[in-house]
Amino acid sequence: MFNKCCELLAKEKIKIAFFESASAGYLAYRFSLSPYSGDILIGSLVSYDLRVKENTLHISEELIEKYTAESMQVTVEMINKGKELLHADLYVACTGLLKKGGSETPEKPVGTFFYSIYYKNNFYNFRRVLRGPAFLKLRKLIYYVTQDIKLIILEDKRR
């Protein structure tokens, strides 16, 4: 799925940028390994620490306090603020709970990831709960993210 996604981005001449928290740059790293990376990857901003979200992306403390740093609302706002810093055709933002120590609850257990894909003025928001050790959660995350990117682009082409 990953290689097909990168190939599709290159074929359609779509540039991609990432705003990552829980994945700590893993998504951009994986895209950098693609033979198409020079054609598709703009860059990434990692905001693992809350201060980067507040001081670099200028996400309001009130939004973070209301919804937590690991939430869909903050994930979407990472794109809204981040696209002023990186200019691309498609954006992906990701927050979540890779391991214990965040805002986990019974409704939002460790392994919960929120990611948003912004393409052609539309947000596509996803929530996934992934199990296993951290490295396996990240592998599953890249699978789902690339699957969803591909589906979004192909659906847009059909319109």
N, C-alpha and C. Protein backbone atom coordinates (compact mmCIF):
# COMPACT_ATOMS: atom_id res chain seq x y z
N MET A 1 0.83 -1.20 0.00
CA MET A 1 0.00 0.00 0.00
C MET A 1 0.87 1.26 0.00
N PHE A 2 1.94 1.25 0.80
CA PHE A 2 2.81 2.41 0.91
C PHE A 2 3.40 2.80 -0.44
N ASN A 3 3.99 1.83 -1.14
CA ASN A 3 4.62 2.13 -2.43
C ASN A 3 3.61 2.62 -3.46
N LYS A 4 2.42 2.03 -3.46
CA LYS A 4 1.37 2.46 -4.40
C LYS A 4 0.93 3.88 -4.10
N CYS A 5 0.87 4.23 -2.82
CA CYS A 5 0.50 5.60 -2.43
C CYS A 5 1.54 6.60 -2.94
N CYS A 6 2.81 6.31 -2.71
CA CYS A 6 3.87 7.21 -3.16
C CYS A 6 3.89 7.33 -4.67
N GLU A 7 3.70 6.22 -5.35
CA GLU A 7 3.66 6.23 -6.81
C GLU A 7 2.50 7.07 -7.31
N LEU A 8 1.33 6.95 -6.67
CA LEU A 8 0.17 7.75 -7.06
C LEU A 8 0.42 9.24 -6.83
N LEU A 9 0.99 9.58 -5.70
CA LEU A 9 1.32 10.99 -5.43
C LEU A 9 2.24 11.54 -6.52
N ALA A 10 3.25 10.78 -6.89
CA ALA A 10 4.20 11.22 -7.92
C ALA A 10 3.51 11.34 -9.28
N LYS A 11 2.71 10.36 -9.62
CA LYS A 11 2.01 10.37 -10.91
C LYS A 11 1.09 11.58 -11.03
N GLU A 12 0.41 11.90 -9.94
CA GLU A 12 -0.53 13.02 -9.93
C GLU A 12 0.15 14.36 -9.60
N LYS A 13 1.46 14.31 -9.38
CA LYS A 13 2.25 15.51 -9.05
C LYS A 13 1.72 16.21 -7.80
N ILE A 14 1.45 15.42 -6.77
CA ILE A 14 0.93 15.92 -5.50
C ILE A 14 2.06 15.95 -4.49
N LYS A 15 2.29 17.14 -3.93
CA LYS A 15 3.32 17.32 -2.90
C LYS A 15 2.66 17.14 -1.53
N ILE A 16 3.39 16.49 -0.60
CA ILE A 16 2.85 16.15 0.71
C ILE A 16 3.72 16.73 1.82
N ALA A 17 3.06 17.17 2.90
CA ALA A 17 3.76 17.66 4.09
C ALA A 17 3.08 17.06 5.32
N PHE A 18 3.87 16.90 6.37
CA PHE A 18 3.39 16.25 7.59
C PHE A 18 3.54 17.16 8.80
N PHE A 19 2.59 17.04 9.72
CA PHE A 19 2.66 17.65 11.05
C PHE A 19 2.42 16.51 12.03
N GLU A 20 3.48 16.09 12.69
CA GLU A 20 3.41 14.88 13.49
C GLU A 20 3.67 15.15 14.97
N SER A 21 2.92 14.43 15.79
CA SER A 21 3.12 14.47 17.23
C SER A 21 3.49 13.07 17.70
N ALA A 22 2.51 12.21 17.92
CA ALA A 22 2.77 10.86 18.45
C ALA A 22 3.69 10.04 17.56
N SER A 23 3.61 10.24 16.27
CA SER A 23 4.43 9.46 15.34
C SER A 23 5.86 10.01 15.23
N ALA A 24 6.11 11.17 15.81
CA ALA A 24 7.45 11.75 15.99
C ALA A 24 8.32 11.74 14.73
N GLY A 25 7.72 11.99 13.58
CA GLY A 25 8.48 12.05 12.34
C GLY A 25 8.53 10.74 11.57
N TYR A 26 7.94 9.70 12.10
CA TYR A 26 7.98 8.38 11.45
C TYR A 26 7.33 8.41 10.07
N LEU A 27 6.21 9.11 9.94
CA LEU A 27 5.52 9.14 8.64
C LEU A 27 6.41 9.79 7.58
N ALA A 28 6.96 10.95 7.90
CA ALA A 28 7.84 11.63 6.94
C ALA A 28 9.09 10.80 6.66
N TYR A 29 9.63 10.18 7.69
CA TYR A 29 10.80 9.32 7.51
C TYR A 29 10.51 8.22 6.50
N ARG A 30 9.38 7.55 6.66
CA ARG A 30 9.03 6.47 5.74
C ARG A 30 8.87 7.00 4.31
N PHE A 31 8.23 8.16 4.17
CA PHE A 31 8.07 8.75 2.83
C PHE A 31 9.43 9.14 2.24
N SER A 32 10.38 9.51 3.09
CA SER A 32 11.71 9.88 2.59
C SER A 32 12.45 8.69 2.00
N LEU A 33 12.07 7.48 2.36
CA LEU A 33 12.71 6.27 1.85
C LEU A 33 12.18 5.85 0.49
N SER A 34 11.06 6.43 0.08
CA SER A 34 10.46 6.08 -1.20
C SER A 34 11.34 6.57 -2.35
N PRO A 35 11.40 5.81 -3.45
CA PRO A 35 12.12 6.31 -4.62
C PRO A 35 11.51 7.59 -5.19
N TYR A 36 10.28 7.90 -4.78
CA TYR A 36 9.58 9.10 -5.26
C TYR A 36 9.72 10.28 -4.30
N SER A 37 10.49 10.11 -3.23
CA SER A 37 10.53 11.14 -2.18
C SER A 37 10.88 12.52 -2.71
N GLY A 38 11.82 12.61 -3.62
CA GLY A 38 12.21 13.91 -4.17
C GLY A 38 11.11 14.59 -4.95
N ASP A 39 10.18 13.82 -5.45
CA ASP A 39 9.06 14.36 -6.23
C ASP A 39 7.85 14.71 -5.37
N ILE A 40 7.73 14.10 -4.19
CA ILE A 40 6.49 14.25 -3.43
C ILE A 40 6.63 14.88 -2.06
N LEU A 41 7.75 14.70 -1.38
CA LEU A 41 7.87 15.10 0.02
C LEU A 41 8.39 16.52 0.17
N ILE A 42 7.56 17.38 0.79
CA ILE A 42 7.97 18.75 1.09
C ILE A 42 8.75 18.78 2.40
N GLY A 43 8.19 18.16 3.44
CA GLY A 43 8.85 18.16 4.74
C GLY A 43 7.89 17.81 5.85
N SER A 44 8.38 18.02 7.07
CA SER A 44 7.62 17.63 8.24
C SER A 44 7.97 18.53 9.41
N LEU A 45 7.00 18.75 10.26
CA LEU A 45 7.23 19.43 11.53
C LEU A 45 6.79 18.47 12.61
N VAL A 46 7.71 18.15 13.52
CA VAL A 46 7.39 17.26 14.63
C VAL A 46 7.11 18.12 15.85
N SER A 47 5.92 17.94 16.40
CA SER A 47 5.52 18.69 17.60
C SER A 47 5.22 17.72 18.72
N TYR A 48 6.18 16.86 19.00
CA TYR A 48 6.00 15.84 20.05
C TYR A 48 5.74 16.51 21.39
N ASP A 49 6.48 17.55 21.68
CA ASP A 49 6.30 18.29 22.93
C ASP A 49 5.22 19.35 22.76
N LEU A 50 4.43 19.51 23.78
CA LEU A 50 3.33 20.47 23.78
C LEU A 50 3.79 21.88 23.43
N ARG A 51 4.99 22.26 23.87
CA ARG A 51 5.49 23.61 23.61
C ARG A 51 5.65 23.90 22.13
N VAL A 52 5.95 22.88 21.33
CA VAL A 52 6.07 23.08 19.88
C VAL A 52 4.69 23.37 19.29
N LYS A 53 3.68 22.66 19.77
CA LYS A 53 2.31 22.93 19.30
C LYS A 53 1.92 24.37 19.62
N GLU A 54 2.25 24.81 20.83
CA GLU A 54 1.85 26.15 21.26
C GLU A 54 2.74 27.24 20.66
N ASN A 55 4.05 27.06 20.69
CA ASN A 55 4.97 28.14 20.31
C ASN A 55 5.31 28.20 18.82
N THR A 56 5.31 27.07 18.15
CA THR A 56 5.65 27.06 16.72
C THR A 56 4.41 27.02 15.85
N LEU A 57 3.47 26.14 16.19
CA LEU A 57 2.23 26.05 15.42
C LEU A 57 1.17 27.04 15.91
N HIS A 58 1.39 27.64 17.05
CA HIS A 58 0.46 28.64 17.62
C HIS A 58 -0.94 28.06 17.85
N ILE A 59 -0.98 26.84 18.34
CA ILE A 59 -2.26 26.23 18.73
C ILE A 59 -2.58 26.74 20.12
N SER A 60 -3.79 27.21 20.29
CA SER A 60 -4.15 27.87 21.55
C SER A 60 -4.14 26.90 22.72
N GLU A 61 -3.68 27.41 23.84
CA GLU A 61 -3.68 26.65 25.08
C GLU A 61 -5.11 26.25 25.46
N GLU A 62 -6.06 27.12 25.15
CA GLU A 62 -7.47 26.83 25.46
C GLU A 62 -7.97 25.61 24.69
N LEU A 63 -7.62 25.51 23.41
CA LEU A 63 -8.05 24.36 22.61
C LEU A 63 -7.44 23.07 23.16
N ILE A 64 -6.17 23.14 23.52
CA ILE A 64 -5.48 21.96 24.06
C ILE A 64 -6.08 21.57 25.41
N GLU A 65 -6.35 22.55 26.26
CA GLU A 65 -6.95 22.26 27.57
C GLU A 65 -8.35 21.68 27.42
N LYS A 66 -9.11 22.18 26.47
CA LYS A 66 -10.49 21.72 26.29
C LYS A 66 -10.54 20.29 25.74
N TYR A 67 -9.70 19.97 24.76
CA TYR A 67 -9.79 18.69 24.07
C TYR A 67 -8.63 17.73 24.34
N THR A 68 -7.54 18.18 24.89
CA THR A 68 -6.25 17.50 25.11
C THR A 68 -5.40 17.57 23.84
N ALA A 69 -4.11 17.41 24.04
CA ALA A 69 -3.17 17.47 22.91
C ALA A 69 -3.37 16.31 21.95
N GLU A 70 -3.91 15.21 22.47
CA GLU A 70 -4.16 14.02 21.66
C GLU A 70 -5.64 13.97 21.33
N SER A 71 -6.06 14.75 20.35
CA SER A 71 -7.48 14.85 19.99
C SER A 71 -7.61 15.21 18.52
N MET A 72 -8.78 14.94 17.97
CA MET A 72 -9.02 15.30 16.57
C MET A 72 -9.00 16.81 16.39
N GLN A 73 -9.53 17.54 17.36
CA GLN A 73 -9.58 19.00 17.25
C GLN A 73 -8.18 19.60 17.13
N VAL A 74 -7.26 19.12 17.94
CA VAL A 74 -5.88 19.62 17.89
C VAL A 74 -5.20 19.14 16.60
N THR A 75 -5.50 17.92 16.17
CA THR A 75 -4.92 17.39 14.93
C THR A 75 -5.30 18.26 13.73
N VAL A 76 -6.57 18.60 13.64
CA VAL A 76 -7.04 19.46 12.54
C VAL A 76 -6.39 20.84 12.63
N GLU A 77 -6.27 21.36 13.84
CA GLU A 77 -5.67 22.68 14.02
C GLU A 77 -4.18 22.67 13.65
N MET A 78 -3.52 21.54 13.82
CA MET A 78 -2.11 21.43 13.39
C MET A 78 -1.99 21.69 11.89
N ILE A 79 -2.96 21.21 11.12
CA ILE A 79 -2.94 21.49 9.68
C ILE A 79 -3.31 22.94 9.42
N ASN A 80 -4.36 23.43 10.07
CA ASN A 80 -4.78 24.82 9.85
C ASN A 80 -3.63 25.79 10.09
N LYS A 81 -2.89 25.59 11.16
CA LYS A 81 -1.77 26.48 11.48
C LYS A 81 -0.51 26.13 10.68
N GLY A 82 -0.28 24.84 10.49
CA GLY A 82 0.94 24.38 9.84
C GLY A 82 1.04 24.71 8.37
N LYS A 83 -0.10 24.79 7.69
CA LYS A 83 -0.02 25.06 6.25
C LYS A 83 0.45 26.48 5.96
N GLU A 84 0.55 27.32 6.99
CA GLU A 84 1.18 28.63 6.83
C GLU A 84 2.71 28.49 6.78
N LEU A 85 3.22 27.39 7.33
CA LEU A 85 4.67 27.17 7.39
C LEU A 85 5.20 26.33 6.23
N LEU A 86 4.46 25.31 5.86
CA LEU A 86 4.85 24.41 4.77
C LEU A 86 3.78 24.45 3.69
N HIS A 87 4.19 24.60 2.45
CA HIS A 87 3.22 24.72 1.36
C HIS A 87 3.24 23.44 0.53
N ALA A 88 2.10 22.74 0.55
CA ALA A 88 1.98 21.46 -0.15
C ALA A 88 0.58 21.36 -0.75
N ASP A 89 0.34 20.27 -1.46
CA ASP A 89 -0.99 20.00 -2.02
C ASP A 89 -1.83 19.15 -1.08
N LEU A 90 -1.16 18.34 -0.28
CA LEU A 90 -1.84 17.43 0.64
C LEU A 90 -1.09 17.46 1.96
N TYR A 91 -1.84 17.56 3.05
CA TYR A 91 -1.24 17.60 4.38
C TYR A 91 -1.76 16.44 5.21
N VAL A 92 -0.88 15.93 6.07
CA VAL A 92 -1.27 14.90 7.04
C VAL A 92 -0.81 15.37 8.41
N ALA A 93 -1.72 15.35 9.38
CA ALA A 93 -1.36 15.63 10.77
C ALA A 93 -1.76 14.42 11.60
N CYS A 94 -0.96 14.16 12.63
CA CYS A 94 -1.21 12.98 13.47
C CYS A 94 -0.91 13.30 14.93
N THR A 95 -1.86 12.96 15.80
CA THR A 95 -1.64 12.98 17.25
C THR A 95 -2.07 11.62 17.78
N GLY A 96 -1.77 11.35 19.02
CA GLY A 96 -2.23 10.09 19.57
C GLY A 96 -1.44 9.66 20.78
N LEU A 97 -1.69 8.43 21.16
CA LEU A 97 -1.11 7.85 22.36
C LEU A 97 -0.33 6.59 21.99
N LEU A 98 0.92 6.78 21.63
CA LEU A 98 1.76 5.65 21.26
C LEU A 98 2.05 4.78 22.48
N LYS A 99 2.22 5.44 23.64
CA LYS A 99 2.52 4.72 24.87
C LYS A 99 1.88 5.46 26.04
N LYS A 100 1.97 4.89 27.22
CA LYS A 100 1.37 5.49 28.41
C LYS A 100 2.01 6.83 28.73
N GLY A 101 1.23 7.68 29.39
CA GLY A 101 1.76 8.95 29.85
C GLY A 101 1.11 10.16 29.23
N GLY A 102 0.11 9.96 28.37
CA GLY A 102 -0.60 11.09 27.76
C GLY A 102 -1.95 11.26 28.41
N SER A 103 -2.95 11.50 27.60
CA SER A 103 -4.30 11.76 28.11
C SER A 103 -5.20 10.54 27.98
N GLU A 104 -4.62 9.35 28.16
CA GLU A 104 -5.40 8.13 27.98
C GLU A 104 -6.54 8.02 28.98
N THR A 105 -7.64 7.47 28.51
CA THR A 105 -8.84 7.20 29.31
C THR A 105 -9.41 5.87 28.80
N PRO A 106 -10.42 5.32 29.48
CA PRO A 106 -11.05 4.11 28.93
C PRO A 106 -11.62 4.34 27.52
N GLU A 107 -12.09 5.55 27.24
CA GLU A 107 -12.63 5.87 25.91
C GLU A 107 -11.54 6.17 24.89
N LYS A 108 -10.36 6.54 25.40
CA LYS A 108 -9.22 6.89 24.54
C LYS A 108 -7.99 6.16 25.09
N PRO A 109 -7.92 4.86 24.84
CA PRO A 109 -6.81 4.07 25.42
C PRO A 109 -5.49 4.31 24.70
N VAL A 110 -4.42 3.87 25.33
CA VAL A 110 -3.11 3.86 24.67
C VAL A 110 -3.28 3.09 23.37
N GLY A 111 -2.72 3.63 22.30
CA GLY A 111 -2.87 3.04 20.97
C GLY A 111 -3.86 3.79 20.11
N THR A 112 -4.53 4.80 20.69
CA THR A 112 -5.46 5.63 19.92
C THR A 112 -4.67 6.67 19.14
N PHE A 113 -4.95 6.75 17.86
CA PHE A 113 -4.33 7.76 16.99
C PHE A 113 -5.42 8.54 16.29
N PHE A 114 -5.20 9.84 16.18
CA PHE A 114 -6.05 10.71 15.39
C PHE A 114 -5.20 11.22 14.23
N TYR A 115 -5.71 11.10 13.03
CA TYR A 115 -4.99 11.73 11.92
C TYR A 115 -5.98 12.37 10.98
N SER A 116 -5.52 13.45 10.41
CA SER A 116 -6.33 14.23 9.49
C SER A 116 -5.54 14.40 8.20
N ILE A 117 -6.25 14.24 7.09
CA ILE A 117 -5.66 14.45 5.77
C ILE A 117 -6.41 15.61 5.14
N TYR A 118 -5.67 16.61 4.69
CA TYR A 118 -6.26 17.80 4.07
C TYR A 118 -5.87 17.79 2.60
N TYR A 119 -6.88 17.77 1.75
CA TYR A 119 -6.63 17.73 0.31
C TYR A 119 -7.74 18.48 -0.41
N LYS A 120 -7.34 19.41 -1.26
CA LYS A 120 -8.28 20.21 -2.05
C LYS A 120 -9.39 20.82 -1.18
N ASN A 121 -8.95 21.51 -0.13
CA ASN A 121 -9.84 22.25 0.77
C ASN A 121 -10.81 21.38 1.57
N ASN A 122 -10.50 20.11 1.72
CA ASN A 122 -11.34 19.21 2.51
C ASN A 122 -10.50 18.49 3.55
N PHE A 123 -11.07 18.37 4.75
CA PHE A 123 -10.46 17.58 5.81
C PHE A 123 -11.10 16.20 5.82
N TYR A 124 -10.26 15.18 5.95
CA TYR A 124 -10.72 13.80 6.11
C TYR A 124 -10.11 13.32 7.43
N ASN A 125 -10.96 13.07 8.40
CA ASN A 125 -10.50 12.79 9.76
C ASN A 125 -10.71 11.32 10.12
N PHE A 126 -9.70 10.77 10.80
CA PHE A 126 -9.70 9.35 11.13
C PHE A 126 -9.26 9.14 12.58
N ARG A 127 -9.87 8.17 13.21
CA ARG A 127 -9.49 7.73 14.55
C ARG A 127 -9.26 6.23 14.48
N ARG A 128 -8.10 5.79 14.91
CA ARG A 128 -7.78 4.36 14.90
C ARG A 128 -7.23 3.97 16.27
N VAL A 129 -7.59 2.79 16.72
CA VAL A 129 -7.00 2.23 17.93
C VAL A 129 -6.14 1.05 17.49
N LEU A 130 -4.84 1.18 17.71
CA LEU A 130 -3.86 0.20 17.25
C LEU A 130 -3.24 -0.51 18.44
N ARG A 131 -3.06 -1.79 18.32
CA ARG A 131 -2.54 -2.62 19.42
C ARG A 131 -1.12 -3.08 19.11
N GLY A 132 -0.42 -3.49 20.17
CA GLY A 132 0.90 -4.06 20.01
C GLY A 132 1.99 -3.13 20.51
N PRO A 133 3.25 -3.55 20.36
CA PRO A 133 4.36 -2.68 20.76
C PRO A 133 4.41 -1.43 19.88
N ALA A 134 5.11 -0.42 20.35
CA ALA A 134 5.15 0.88 19.67
C ALA A 134 5.53 0.75 18.20
N PHE A 135 6.57 -0.02 17.89
CA PHE A 135 7.01 -0.13 16.49
C PHE A 135 5.92 -0.72 15.60
N LEU A 136 5.14 -1.64 16.15
CA LEU A 136 4.07 -2.26 15.38
C LEU A 136 2.91 -1.28 15.18
N LYS A 137 2.63 -0.49 16.19
CA LYS A 137 1.59 0.54 16.06
C LYS A 137 1.95 1.51 14.94
N LEU A 138 3.22 1.90 14.87
CA LEU A 138 3.65 2.83 13.83
C LEU A 138 3.56 2.20 12.44
N ARG A 139 3.90 0.94 12.33
CA ARG A 139 3.76 0.25 11.04
C ARG A 139 2.30 0.20 10.60
N LYS A 140 1.42 -0.09 11.54
CA LYS A 140 -0.01 -0.12 11.23
C LYS A 140 -0.49 1.28 10.84
N LEU A 141 0.01 2.29 11.55
CA LEU A 141 -0.37 3.67 11.27
C LEU A 141 0.00 4.06 9.84
N ILE A 142 1.22 3.77 9.41
CA ILE A 142 1.63 4.14 8.05
C ILE A 142 0.78 3.39 7.03
N TYR A 143 0.41 2.17 7.32
CA TYR A 143 -0.46 1.42 6.42
C TYR A 143 -1.81 2.13 6.26
N TYR A 144 -2.43 2.48 7.37
CA TYR A 144 -3.75 3.12 7.30
C TYR A 144 -3.67 4.50 6.67
N VAL A 145 -2.67 5.28 7.04
CA VAL A 145 -2.53 6.63 6.47
C VAL A 145 -2.36 6.56 4.96
N THR A 146 -1.49 5.69 4.48
CA THR A 146 -1.26 5.61 3.03
C THR A 146 -2.47 5.04 2.31
N GLN A 147 -3.15 4.10 2.94
CA GLN A 147 -4.39 3.57 2.35
C GLN A 147 -5.42 4.68 2.20
N ASP A 148 -5.57 5.50 3.23
CA ASP A 148 -6.56 6.57 3.18
C ASP A 148 -6.17 7.68 2.21
N ILE A 149 -4.89 8.02 2.13
CA ILE A 149 -4.44 9.01 1.14
C ILE A 149 -4.80 8.52 -0.26
N LYS A 150 -4.49 7.29 -0.54
CA LYS A 150 -4.76 6.73 -1.86
C LYS A 150 -6.26 6.77 -2.17
N LEU A 151 -7.08 6.36 -1.22
CA LEU A 151 -8.53 6.37 -1.44
C LEU A 151 -9.07 7.77 -1.68
N ILE A 152 -8.57 8.75 -0.93
CA ILE A 152 -9.01 10.14 -1.08
C ILE A 152 -8.66 10.66 -2.47
N ILE A 153 -7.44 10.42 -2.92
CA ILE A 153 -7.02 10.90 -4.24
C ILE A 153 -7.81 10.22 -5.34
N LEU A 154 -7.97 8.92 -5.25
CA LEU A 154 -8.71 8.19 -6.29
C LEU A 154 -10.18 8.60 -6.32
N GLU A 155 -10.77 8.82 -5.16
CA GLU A 155 -12.16 9.28 -5.11
C GLU A 155 -12.29 10.66 -5.73
N ASP A 156 -11.33 11.53 -5.46
CA ASP A 156 -11.35 12.87 -6.04
C ASP A 156 -11.23 12.80 -7.57
N LYS A 157 -10.43 11.90 -8.07
CA LYS A 157 -10.27 11.76 -9.53
C LYS A 157 -11.57 11.30 -10.20
N ARG A 158 -12.38 10.54 -9.48
CA ARG A 158 -13.64 10.04 -10.04
C ARG A 158 -14.71 11.12 -10.15
N ARG A 159 -14.53 12.20 -9.42
CA ARG A 159 -15.53 13.27 -9.43
C ARG A 159 -15.47 14.08 -10.69
